[in-house]
Amino acid sequence: MSESKRTPLYAFHAAHGGRLVDFAGWEMPVQYRSILEEHKAVRHAAGLFDVSHMGEVAVCGPAAGAFLNHLVTNDVAQLYPGRVLYSPMCYPTGGVVDDLLVYMRGPDDYFLCINAGNIDKDLAWIREQATKFNVTVTDRSADYALLAVQGPKAAAIVQSLTSVKLDAVRYYQFTEGSVAGVHCMISRTGYTGEDGFELYHAAGDAPALAAAVLAAGQPHGLELAGLGARDSLRLEAGYPLYGHEITQDISPLAAGLGWTVKFDKGVDFIGRAALAAEKQNGTPRKIVHFKTGDRRIVRTDTAVLSQGGAVVGRVVSGTLSPLLNEAIGSALVETAAVAQSLVVDIRGTKLDLILVKPPFVKLKKSP
């Protein structure tokens, strides 16, 4: 096995008591003091996450916009400098290569943020598709570190460290400026369902920036947060995770991400024909979200059963919601079975799945 990679904040995590685990080939903190307390801090105050394992890709050139509009399902033509777009990137089959963020810096200058476990696969796919376009594709992943400050106090904390007027940066917009003396791309995005910022910056500046944000945030109740809280927060918000709610076999339509598939954007995009057929004929399986009224976590790959005992699907994500104090999750089930009562068997106990339209909890609306 290859040795796990480390972000520029490895020593920072170790010094602050982070419990490090392997995640997508990276040695990352799963928690510091308590996943429960880190989760609650993000919902009520703020949390600081190291997400420097994410990949960054520059796509530049005269055809950059046209290429990206062909590559992803959402409409890149809606972007303007300073705007961010979320989109799946699909195979011709309609299955998902990855989901990503597209940043428009200028007419010929775009920047992608891709999932850590997919960097090599995504780069190979993007470069293969780019051969017919006048663009350059550059892997910038090693150049950048990425901090996420999330929660209702996030804006006040980051604002105390910068002269940039953060009120002018709306949800899914970004700007550039100095934060605690470190040049950052300041993006009002996140993966928790709360307001907050993601700060892209030079890898070598990460320890100083993390220390400054932590010091500024602690009077506001900010906690260092790891991958455990990141997962429970994203699931409470109903956000997909690649390899779970979206895969090469689960399309954006099956995942409930139909709003990201712009059939009418005026250009042919990869996967369009397959997704159009799926929309017309109906998807045979779909992602549903559920809670149980019970604290026992429903683990990934648990069979989902009809009341008659037939297997009609499987759980793809499961956790305990710290705010609801009950198990929540998502499952891929036969579409025809969704109208029926669904159950899971947890060590001999049958639990009913109560289907929920996410988010599971009331989230603070971003500006």
Protein backbone atom coordinates (compact mmCIF):
# COMPACT_ATOMS: atom_id res chain seq x y z
CA MET A 1 0.00 0.00 0.00
CA SER A 2 1.20 3.50 -0.74
CA GLU A 3 1.90 5.78 2.19
CA SER A 4 -0.90 8.16 3.19
CA LYS A 5 -0.46 11.75 2.06
CA ARG A 6 -0.48 14.62 4.55
CA THR A 7 -1.83 18.14 4.23
CA PRO A 8 0.32 21.14 5.24
CA LEU A 9 -1.59 21.12 8.56
CA TYR A 10 -0.52 17.65 9.72
CA ALA A 11 1.62 19.04 12.56
CA PHE A 12 -1.16 21.51 13.48
CA HIS A 13 -3.66 18.64 13.84
CA ALA A 14 -1.27 16.57 15.93
CA ALA A 15 -0.50 19.53 18.20
CA HIS A 16 -4.22 20.14 18.80
CA GLY A 17 -5.11 16.55 19.60
CA GLY A 18 -6.60 15.55 16.25
CA ARG A 19 -7.26 11.80 15.92
CA LEU A 20 -5.83 11.01 12.50
CA VAL A 21 -7.24 8.36 10.16
CA ASP A 22 -6.82 7.41 6.51
CA PHE A 23 -9.33 9.11 4.25
CA ALA A 24 -9.08 8.76 0.47
CA GLY A 25 -5.35 8.16 0.84
CA TRP A 26 -4.84 11.15 3.16
CA GLU A 27 -4.01 11.20 6.87
CA MET A 28 -6.80 13.44 8.16
CA PRO A 29 -8.34 14.28 11.56
CA VAL A 30 -11.63 12.45 12.11
CA GLN A 31 -12.19 14.40 15.34
CA TYR A 32 -10.43 16.48 17.99
CA ARG A 33 -12.36 16.39 21.24
CA SER A 34 -15.79 15.08 20.25
CA ILE A 35 -17.69 14.68 16.96
CA LEU A 36 -20.88 15.58 18.82
CA GLU A 37 -19.48 18.84 20.20
CA GLU A 38 -17.79 19.76 16.90
CA HIS A 39 -21.07 19.23 15.06
CA LYS A 40 -23.02 21.35 17.54
CA ALA A 41 -20.37 24.09 17.42
CA VAL A 42 -20.84 24.42 13.66
CA ARG A 43 -24.63 24.61 13.99
CA HIS A 44 -24.56 27.13 16.88
CA ALA A 45 -21.25 29.02 16.51
CA ALA A 46 -18.48 27.95 14.12
CA GLY A 47 -16.11 25.17 13.16
CA LEU A 48 -12.74 25.20 11.40
CA PHE A 49 -12.04 22.36 8.96
CA ASP A 50 -8.89 21.45 7.06
CA VAL A 51 -10.02 20.40 3.57
CA SER A 52 -6.63 20.81 1.92
CA HIS A 53 -6.90 17.27 0.56
CA MET A 54 -9.39 18.51 -2.04
CA GLY A 55 -8.12 18.88 -5.59
CA GLU A 56 -7.77 22.12 -7.54
CA VAL A 57 -7.62 22.32 -11.34
CA ALA A 58 -7.10 25.39 -13.54
CA VAL A 59 -8.90 25.36 -16.90
CA CYS A 60 -7.79 28.26 -19.08
CA GLY A 61 -7.94 29.34 -22.70
CA PRO A 62 -10.28 30.84 -25.31
CA ALA A 63 -12.59 27.80 -25.25
CA ALA A 64 -12.56 27.25 -21.48
CA GLY A 65 -16.19 28.23 -20.94
CA ALA A 66 -17.45 26.21 -23.91
CA PHE A 67 -15.41 23.20 -22.82
CA LEU A 68 -16.71 23.26 -19.24
CA ASN A 69 -20.30 23.65 -20.45
CA HIS A 70 -19.78 20.47 -22.48
CA LEU A 71 -18.07 18.71 -19.55
CA VAL A 72 -20.64 19.29 -16.77
CA THR A 73 -24.42 19.06 -16.56
CA ASN A 74 -25.12 22.49 -15.04
CA ASP A 75 -24.99 25.69 -17.10
CA VAL A 76 -21.53 27.25 -16.99
CA ALA A 77 -22.79 30.07 -19.25
CA GLN A 78 -24.67 31.44 -16.21
CA LEU A 79 -21.35 32.28 -14.55
CA TYR A 80 -19.67 35.67 -14.36
CA PRO A 81 -16.34 36.61 -12.76
CA GLY A 82 -16.65 36.02 -9.01
CA ARG A 83 -19.44 33.43 -9.29
CA VAL A 84 -19.32 29.75 -8.27
CA LEU A 85 -21.35 26.87 -9.75
CA TYR A 86 -22.01 23.42 -8.31
CA SER A 87 -22.35 20.63 -10.86
CA PRO A 88 -22.03 16.92 -11.44
CA MET A 89 -19.67 15.77 -14.21
CA CYS A 90 -21.07 12.69 -15.95
CA TYR A 91 -20.07 9.78 -18.13
CA PRO A 92 -21.97 9.21 -21.41
CA THR A 93 -24.05 6.63 -19.47
CA GLY A 94 -25.37 9.37 -17.16
CA GLY A 95 -23.43 8.03 -14.18
CA VAL A 96 -21.35 10.52 -12.21
CA VAL A 97 -17.58 10.95 -12.61
CA ASP A 98 -17.57 13.45 -9.72
CA ASP A 99 -19.37 16.48 -8.37
CA LEU A 100 -17.39 19.70 -8.28
CA LEU A 101 -17.35 23.46 -7.94
CA VAL A 102 -16.62 25.67 -10.98
CA TYR A 103 -15.14 29.12 -10.24
CA MET A 104 -15.10 31.77 -12.97
CA ARG A 105 -12.16 34.14 -12.52
CA GLY A 106 -12.38 35.63 -16.00
CA PRO A 107 -13.68 34.87 -19.52
CA ASP A 108 -10.77 32.49 -20.23
CA ASP A 109 -9.90 31.57 -16.64
CA TYR A 110 -11.76 28.94 -14.61
CA PHE A 111 -10.86 27.02 -11.47
CA LEU A 112 -12.32 23.67 -10.36
CA CYS A 113 -12.47 22.13 -6.89
CA ILE A 114 -12.76 18.33 -7.06
CA ASN A 115 -13.03 15.54 -4.51
CA ALA A 116 -9.83 14.25 -2.90
CA GLY A 117 -10.44 10.58 -3.69
CA ASN A 118 -11.10 11.37 -7.36
CA ILE A 119 -8.19 13.68 -8.25
CA ASP A 120 -6.28 11.29 -10.53
CA LYS A 121 -9.44 9.88 -12.14
CA ASP A 122 -10.95 13.34 -12.67
CA LEU A 123 -7.78 14.79 -14.17
CA ALA A 124 -7.48 11.91 -16.62
CA TRP A 125 -11.14 12.31 -17.62
CA ILE A 126 -10.99 16.10 -17.95
CA ARG A 127 -7.80 15.98 -20.02
CA GLU A 128 -9.25 13.30 -22.30
CA GLN A 129 -12.36 15.41 -22.96
CA ALA A 130 -10.30 18.59 -23.45
CA THR A 131 -8.37 17.38 -26.48
CA LYS A 132 -10.87 18.87 -28.96
CA PHE A 133 -10.94 22.29 -27.26
CA ASN A 134 -8.47 25.17 -27.16
CA VAL A 135 -7.84 24.93 -23.42
CA THR A 136 -5.07 24.07 -20.98
CA VAL A 137 -5.80 21.88 -17.95
CA THR A 138 -3.37 22.26 -15.03
CA ASP A 139 -3.36 20.31 -11.78
CA ARG A 140 -2.88 22.90 -9.00
CA SER A 141 -3.73 20.56 -6.10
CA ALA A 142 -0.24 20.62 -4.56
CA ASP A 143 -0.11 24.43 -4.70
CA TYR A 144 -3.18 25.06 -2.57
CA ALA A 145 -4.32 24.48 0.98
CA LEU A 146 -7.98 24.96 1.85
CA LEU A 147 -9.60 25.94 5.16
CA ALA A 148 -13.36 25.98 5.73
CA VAL A 149 -14.85 28.23 8.41
CA GLN A 150 -18.50 27.24 8.83
CA GLY A 151 -21.35 28.29 11.09
CA PRO A 152 -23.47 31.30 12.06
CA LYS A 153 -20.41 33.08 13.55
CA ALA A 154 -18.15 32.32 10.57
CA ALA A 155 -18.63 35.65 8.82
CA ALA A 156 -17.82 37.65 11.96
CA ILE A 157 -14.69 35.58 12.59
CA VAL A 158 -13.32 35.89 9.05
CA GLN A 159 -14.31 39.57 8.88
CA SER A 160 -12.16 40.28 11.95
CA LEU A 161 -9.14 39.09 9.94
CA THR A 162 -9.71 40.91 6.64
CA SER A 163 -10.50 44.33 5.21
CA VAL A 164 -12.54 42.70 2.42
CA LYS A 165 -16.23 43.60 2.84
CA LEU A 166 -17.65 40.14 3.26
CA ASP A 167 -21.26 41.36 3.20
CA ALA A 168 -20.72 42.05 -0.50
CA VAL A 169 -19.78 38.40 -1.13
CA ARG A 170 -23.07 36.56 -1.50
CA TYR A 171 -23.72 32.81 -1.33
CA TYR A 172 -21.82 31.00 -4.11
CA GLN A 173 -19.70 34.03 -4.88
CA PHE A 174 -15.99 34.58 -4.23
CA THR A 175 -13.40 37.32 -4.15
CA GLU A 176 -9.67 37.62 -3.49
CA GLY A 177 -7.96 39.39 -0.63
CA SER A 178 -5.80 39.11 2.46
CA VAL A 179 -7.00 37.14 5.50
CA ALA A 180 -4.67 37.42 8.51
CA GLY A 181 -1.96 38.60 6.14
CA VAL A 182 -2.38 35.58 3.82
CA HIS A 183 -3.59 36.05 0.25
CA CYS A 184 -6.77 33.99 -0.20
CA MET A 185 -9.48 33.22 -2.65
CA ILE A 186 -12.41 33.82 -0.30
CA SER A 187 -15.39 31.69 -1.31
CA ARG A 188 -18.82 31.84 0.36
CA THR A 189 -19.42 28.13 0.02
CA GLY A 190 -19.32 25.07 2.24
CA TYR A 191 -20.48 21.53 2.90
CA THR A 192 -22.37 21.90 6.18
CA GLY A 193 -25.60 23.72 5.32
CA GLU A 194 -24.47 26.74 7.34
CA ASP A 195 -23.14 30.09 6.23
CA GLY A 196 -19.39 30.20 5.94
CA PHE A 197 -16.27 30.60 3.84
CA GLU A 198 -13.74 28.38 2.17
CA LEU A 199 -10.28 29.97 1.99
CA TYR A 200 -7.99 28.82 -0.82
CA HIS A 201 -4.37 29.85 -0.22
CA ALA A 202 -0.76 28.87 -0.84
CA ALA A 203 0.08 25.58 0.85
CA GLY A 204 2.99 27.08 2.78
CA ASP A 205 0.73 29.65 4.45
CA ALA A 206 -1.67 27.10 5.92
CA PRO A 207 -0.23 26.77 9.47
CA ALA A 208 -0.16 30.55 10.03
CA LEU A 209 -3.67 31.04 8.64
CA ALA A 210 -5.13 28.15 10.64
CA ALA A 211 -3.58 29.48 13.86
CA ALA A 212 -4.95 32.98 13.18
CA VAL A 213 -8.49 31.74 12.45
CA LEU A 214 -8.46 29.52 15.53
CA ALA A 215 -7.32 32.39 17.76
CA ALA A 216 -9.89 34.79 16.28
CA GLY A 217 -12.66 32.21 16.50
CA GLN A 218 -12.27 30.84 19.99
CA PRO A 219 -13.94 33.84 21.70
CA HIS A 220 -16.94 33.17 19.38
CA GLY A 221 -17.11 29.49 20.35
CA LEU A 222 -15.30 28.13 17.27
CA GLU A 223 -14.12 24.53 17.53
CA LEU A 224 -11.64 22.64 15.40
CA ALA A 225 -13.73 20.09 13.47
CA GLY A 226 -12.81 16.85 11.73
CA LEU A 227 -14.18 14.49 9.11
CA GLY A 228 -16.69 12.93 11.51
CA ALA A 229 -18.57 16.19 12.05
CA ARG A 230 -18.17 17.08 8.37
CA ASP A 231 -20.05 13.90 7.43
CA SER A 232 -22.87 14.25 9.98
CA LEU A 233 -23.31 17.93 9.06
CA ARG A 234 -23.50 17.26 5.31
CA LEU A 235 -25.97 14.42 5.83
CA GLU A 236 -28.22 16.57 8.06
CA ALA A 237 -28.17 19.12 5.23
CA GLY A 238 -28.95 16.44 2.65
CA TYR A 239 -25.78 16.98 0.61
CA PRO A 240 -24.48 14.09 -1.51
CA LEU A 241 -21.09 12.46 -1.02
CA TYR A 242 -19.39 10.88 -4.01
CA GLY A 243 -19.30 7.09 -3.65
CA HIS A 244 -22.50 7.15 -1.61
CA GLU A 245 -25.46 9.18 -2.99
CA ILE A 246 -23.76 9.69 -6.38
CA THR A 247 -21.56 7.15 -8.18
CA GLN A 248 -20.82 5.97 -11.69
CA ASP A 249 -24.02 3.93 -11.31
CA ILE A 250 -26.20 6.58 -9.62
CA SER A 251 -27.11 9.47 -11.90
CA PRO A 252 -27.86 13.05 -10.80
CA LEU A 253 -31.54 12.39 -11.56
CA ALA A 254 -31.64 9.29 -9.35
CA ALA A 255 -29.81 11.23 -6.64
CA GLY A 256 -32.39 14.03 -6.56
CA LEU A 257 -30.04 16.49 -8.25
CA GLY A 258 -32.21 17.10 -11.29
CA TRP A 259 -31.89 20.84 -10.69
CA THR A 260 -28.23 20.58 -11.71
CA VAL A 261 -29.00 19.00 -15.11
CA LYS A 262 -29.75 21.80 -17.58
CA PHE A 263 -31.18 20.08 -20.65
CA ASP A 264 -32.13 23.47 -22.13
CA LYS A 265 -28.72 25.17 -21.89
CA GLY A 266 -28.31 25.05 -25.65
CA VAL A 267 -25.24 22.80 -25.89
CA ASP A 268 -24.73 19.06 -25.92
CA PHE A 269 -23.07 17.90 -22.72
CA ILE A 270 -21.57 14.55 -21.79
CA GLY A 271 -24.35 12.24 -20.58
CA ARG A 272 -27.18 14.36 -22.00
CA ALA A 273 -28.77 11.64 -24.16
CA ALA A 274 -28.73 9.04 -21.37
CA LEU A 275 -30.08 11.50 -18.81
CA ALA A 276 -32.83 12.69 -21.19
CA ALA A 277 -33.92 9.07 -21.69
CA GLU A 278 -33.86 8.50 -17.94
CA LYS A 279 -35.99 11.58 -17.37
CA GLN A 280 -38.49 10.49 -20.00
CA ASN A 281 -38.73 6.85 -18.90
CA GLY A 282 -38.29 7.38 -15.18
CA THR A 283 -35.41 6.21 -13.03
CA PRO A 284 -35.82 2.66 -11.73
CA ARG A 285 -34.01 3.50 -8.47
CA LYS A 286 -33.77 6.69 -6.48
CA ILE A 287 -32.09 8.13 -3.41
CA VAL A 288 -34.36 8.74 -0.42
CA HIS A 289 -33.51 10.25 2.96
CA PHE A 290 -34.83 8.84 6.19
CA LYS A 291 -34.91 9.02 9.96
CA THR A 292 -35.92 6.23 12.33
CA GLY A 293 -36.98 7.65 15.68
CA ASP A 294 -34.25 5.45 17.19
CA ARG A 295 -30.64 6.22 18.12
CA ARG A 296 -29.15 3.06 16.60
CA ILE A 297 -27.15 4.06 13.51
CA VAL A 298 -28.25 2.39 10.27
CA ARG A 299 -24.95 1.49 8.65
CA THR A 300 -24.01 1.81 4.98
CA ASP A 301 -25.01 -1.27 2.92
CA THR A 302 -27.78 -2.29 5.34
CA ALA A 303 -30.58 -3.87 3.28
CA VAL A 304 -33.80 -1.88 2.93
CA LEU A 305 -36.85 -4.13 3.06
CA SER A 306 -40.51 -3.89 2.14
CA GLN A 307 -43.02 -4.73 4.87
CA GLY A 308 -43.23 -8.16 3.26
CA GLY A 309 -39.51 -8.69 3.73
CA ALA A 310 -38.34 -8.31 0.13
CA VAL A 311 -35.05 -6.46 -0.39
CA VAL A 312 -35.87 -3.24 -2.28
CA GLY A 313 -32.69 -1.25 -1.74
CA ARG A 314 -29.69 -0.53 0.44
CA VAL A 315 -28.52 2.23 2.76
CA VAL A 316 -25.80 4.43 1.23
CA SER A 317 -25.16 6.78 4.20
CA GLY A 318 -26.06 6.58 7.87
CA THR A 319 -25.22 8.48 11.04
CA LEU A 320 -26.65 9.84 14.28
CA SER A 321 -27.99 13.37 14.03
CA PRO A 322 -26.63 15.21 17.08
CA LEU A 323 -29.44 17.77 16.86
CA LEU A 324 -32.32 15.32 16.40
CA ASN A 325 -30.71 12.68 18.64
CA GLU A 326 -31.83 9.94 16.26
CA ALA A 327 -30.46 7.96 13.36
CA ILE A 328 -30.68 9.56 9.91
CA GLY A 329 -29.48 8.39 6.53
CA SER A 330 -30.02 7.92 2.83
CA ALA A 331 -30.78 4.85 0.77
CA LEU A 332 -30.93 3.79 -2.86
CA VAL A 333 -34.28 2.06 -3.33
CA GLU A 334 -36.50 0.82 -6.12
CA THR A 335 -38.65 3.75 -7.21
CA ALA A 336 -41.79 1.59 -7.15
CA ALA A 337 -41.17 0.77 -3.49
CA VAL A 338 -40.91 4.38 -2.27
CA ALA A 339 -44.68 4.68 -1.80
CA GLN A 340 -44.65 1.60 0.47
CA SER A 341 -43.56 1.27 4.07
CA LEU A 342 -39.83 0.58 4.26
CA VAL A 343 -37.94 -1.06 7.10
CA VAL A 344 -34.42 -2.09 8.09
CA ASP A 345 -33.30 -4.91 10.36
CA ILE A 346 -30.81 -3.76 13.02
CA ARG A 347 -29.50 -6.83 14.84
CA GLY A 348 -32.90 -8.49 14.82
CA THR A 349 -34.97 -5.36 15.47
CA LYS A 350 -37.14 -4.03 12.64
CA LEU A 351 -37.08 -0.24 12.39
CA ASP A 352 -39.41 1.74 10.16
CA LEU A 353 -37.79 4.27 7.84
CA ILE A 354 -39.55 7.63 8.04
CA LEU A 355 -38.87 9.31 4.71
CA VAL A 356 -37.81 12.96 4.97
CA LYS A 357 -37.17 15.69 2.43
CA PRO A 358 -33.83 17.19 3.53
CA PRO A 359 -32.54 19.18 5.24
CA PHE A 360 -33.28 17.24 8.40
CA VAL A 361 -32.86 20.34 10.58
CA LYS A 362 -33.64 24.01 10.06
CA LEU A 363 -30.55 25.65 8.63
CA LYS A 364 -29.52 29.27 8.78
CA LYS A 365 -30.13 30.74 5.36
CA SER A 366 -26.99 32.01 3.70
CA PRO A 367 -27.01 35.64 2.56
